[in-house]
């Protein structure tokens, strides 16, 4: 499992598997956010197949699947809610890209745009492409 921290309280990773969940809990995460639609993975990796192990490990599960190219304001609001829920968050998708973009958009206006963009870009994620949207969301408050 490849956990990539974007901040002290938020990290992203590619798809998780049942055997990763004890390590996620041991790393101090409180919440797991699924940003990957079930249609992209085999049934054994569907979010509801992972839910029992996640909850048994004492973690909170937030389901916020975002299909590629299907970003909505509801996705951003759900990610923000998960982040504001407190504790340390691990969000996953196929590579971590969508989860990093959602984090940057959810935090627009709370941190400098360049910091939000750079946090994902350091791992090769596409956050720089969302610079204008982050700025717009920051201005709209």
Protein backbone atom coordinates (compact mmCIF):
# COMPACT_ATOMS: atom_id res chain seq x y z
CA UNK A 1 0.00 0.00 0.00
CA UNK A 2 1.30 3.42 -0.99
CA UNK A 3 0.08 6.15 1.40
CA UNK A 4 0.91 9.66 0.24
CA UNK A 5 0.38 12.47 2.78
CA UNK A 6 -0.95 15.78 1.51
CA UNK A 7 -1.09 17.24 5.02
CA UNK A 8 -0.66 16.05 8.59
CA UNK A 9 -4.33 15.05 8.69
CA UNK A 10 -5.02 13.86 5.12
CA UNK A 11 -3.39 11.31 2.86
CA UNK A 12 -4.31 9.56 -0.36
CA UNK A 13 -3.60 6.14 -1.79
CA UNK A 14 -4.41 3.92 -4.70
CA UNK A 15 -7.13 1.28 -4.25
CA UNK A 16 -7.02 -0.42 -0.87
CA UNK A 17 -7.62 -4.11 -0.21
CA UNK A 18 -8.89 -5.93 2.90
CA UNK A 19 -5.35 -6.82 3.96
CA UNK A 20 -4.40 -3.10 4.01
CA UNK A 21 -6.98 -2.12 6.61
CA UNK A 22 -5.02 -3.15 9.73
CA UNK A 23 -2.06 -1.09 8.48
CA UNK A 24 -4.35 1.89 7.84
CA UNK A 25 -5.66 1.72 11.40
CA UNK A 26 -2.14 1.21 12.80
CA UNK A 27 -0.98 4.33 10.93
CA UNK A 28 -3.41 6.37 13.02
CA UNK A 29 -6.13 7.05 10.48
CA UNK A 30 -9.63 7.61 11.82
CA UNK A 31 -11.58 7.85 8.57
CA UNK A 32 -11.36 6.11 5.20
CA UNK A 33 -12.93 7.90 2.23
CA UNK A 34 -13.72 5.88 -0.87
CA UNK A 35 -13.57 8.08 -3.99
CA UNK A 36 -13.60 5.14 -6.40
CA UNK A 37 -16.83 3.92 -8.02
CA UNK A 38 -17.51 0.21 -7.59
CA UNK A 39 -17.78 -0.19 -11.37
CA UNK A 40 -14.00 0.26 -11.64
CA UNK A 41 -13.05 -2.66 -9.39
CA UNK A 42 -13.86 -6.35 -8.98
CA UNK A 43 -16.62 -7.26 -6.49
CA UNK A 44 -14.18 -8.17 -3.72
CA UNK A 45 -12.97 -4.54 -3.70
CA UNK A 46 -16.41 -2.90 -3.77
CA UNK A 47 -16.82 -0.47 -0.91
CA UNK A 48 -19.52 -2.57 0.76
CA UNK A 49 -17.20 -5.60 0.66
CA UNK A 50 -14.56 -3.52 2.46
CA UNK A 51 -16.97 -1.90 4.94
CA UNK A 52 -17.01 -4.73 7.54
CA UNK A 53 -13.22 -4.80 7.86
CA UNK A 54 -12.97 -0.99 7.93
CA UNK A 55 -15.58 -0.69 10.65
CA UNK A 56 -14.17 -3.67 12.60
CA UNK A 57 -10.85 -1.80 12.70
CA UNK A 58 -12.62 1.12 14.39
CA UNK A 59 -12.47 3.36 11.34
CA UNK A 60 -15.24 5.52 9.94
CA UNK A 61 -16.07 4.94 6.27
CA UNK A 62 -17.23 7.75 3.99
CA UNK A 63 -18.45 6.75 0.54
CA UNK A 64 -17.94 9.53 -2.02
CA UNK A 65 -17.30 7.84 -5.38
CA UNK A 66 -16.31 10.21 -8.16
CA UNK A 67 -16.27 8.79 -11.67
CA UNK A 68 -13.48 10.05 -13.92
CA UNK A 69 -14.61 13.33 -15.45
CA UNK A 70 -17.70 13.40 -13.22
CA UNK A 71 -16.73 16.02 -10.63
CA UNK A 72 -19.68 17.81 -8.99
CA UNK A 73 -20.07 20.29 -6.17
CA UNK A 74 -21.70 17.46 -4.17
CA UNK A 75 -18.41 15.52 -4.38
CA UNK A 76 -16.50 18.54 -3.09
CA UNK A 77 -18.99 19.11 -0.25
CA UNK A 78 -18.89 15.45 0.81
CA UNK A 79 -15.08 15.47 0.86
CA UNK A 80 -15.08 18.69 2.88
CA UNK A 81 -17.50 17.13 5.37
CA UNK A 82 -15.25 14.08 5.77
CA UNK A 83 -12.23 16.31 6.32
CA UNK A 84 -14.07 18.52 8.80
CA UNK A 85 -15.24 15.43 10.69
CA UNK A 86 -11.96 15.52 12.54
CA UNK A 87 -9.18 13.04 12.86
CA UNK A 88 -6.80 11.71 10.28
CA UNK A 89 -8.28 10.87 6.86
CA UNK A 90 -7.09 8.41 4.22
CA UNK A 91 -8.88 8.83 0.89
CA UNK A 92 -8.44 6.36 -1.94
CA UNK A 93 -9.31 5.98 -5.60
CA UNK A 94 -7.49 4.29 -8.50
CA UNK A 95 -4.21 6.15 -8.04
CA UNK A 96 -4.86 8.85 -5.43
CA UNK A 97 -5.35 11.53 -8.10
CA UNK A 98 -9.10 12.07 -7.66
CA UNK A 99 -8.72 12.03 -3.88
CA UNK A 100 -6.01 14.70 -4.05
CA UNK A 101 -8.08 16.89 -6.37
CA UNK A 102 -11.12 16.61 -4.11
CA UNK A 103 -8.99 17.54 -1.09
CA UNK A 104 -7.60 20.63 -2.81
CA UNK A 105 -11.05 21.75 -3.96
CA UNK A 106 -12.61 21.05 -0.55
CA UNK A 107 -9.99 23.22 1.16
CA UNK A 108 -10.15 26.10 -1.34
CA UNK A 109 -9.97 29.37 0.55
CA UNK A 110 -8.58 27.79 3.74
CA UNK A 111 -4.99 27.59 2.50
CA UNK A 112 -3.04 29.29 -0.26
CA UNK A 113 -3.97 27.88 -3.66
CA UNK A 114 -0.34 27.19 -4.50
CA UNK A 115 0.03 25.04 -1.37
CA UNK A 116 -3.04 23.00 -2.30
CA UNK A 117 -1.82 22.54 -5.87
CA UNK A 118 1.74 21.66 -4.81
CA UNK A 119 0.62 19.04 -2.27
CA UNK A 120 -0.85 16.85 -5.00
CA UNK A 121 1.57 17.83 -7.75
CA UNK A 122 4.53 16.48 -5.73
CA UNK A 123 3.15 12.98 -6.45
CA UNK A 124 2.36 13.71 -10.09
CA UNK A 125 -1.35 14.26 -9.48
CA UNK A 126 -3.29 16.64 -11.72
CA UNK A 127 -4.00 19.32 -9.12
CA UNK A 128 -2.32 22.08 -11.21
CA UNK A 129 -5.11 21.68 -13.78
CA UNK A 130 -7.59 22.72 -11.08
CA UNK A 131 -5.81 25.92 -10.01
CA UNK A 132 -8.47 28.20 -11.55
CA UNK A 133 -11.33 26.25 -9.97
CA UNK A 134 -9.61 26.30 -6.57
CA UNK A 135 -9.25 30.08 -6.92
CA UNK A 136 -12.90 30.48 -7.93
CA UNK A 137 -14.10 28.37 -5.00
CA UNK A 138 -11.88 30.38 -2.65
CA UNK A 139 -13.40 33.64 -3.92
CA UNK A 140 -16.96 32.31 -3.73
CA UNK A 141 -16.31 31.32 -0.13
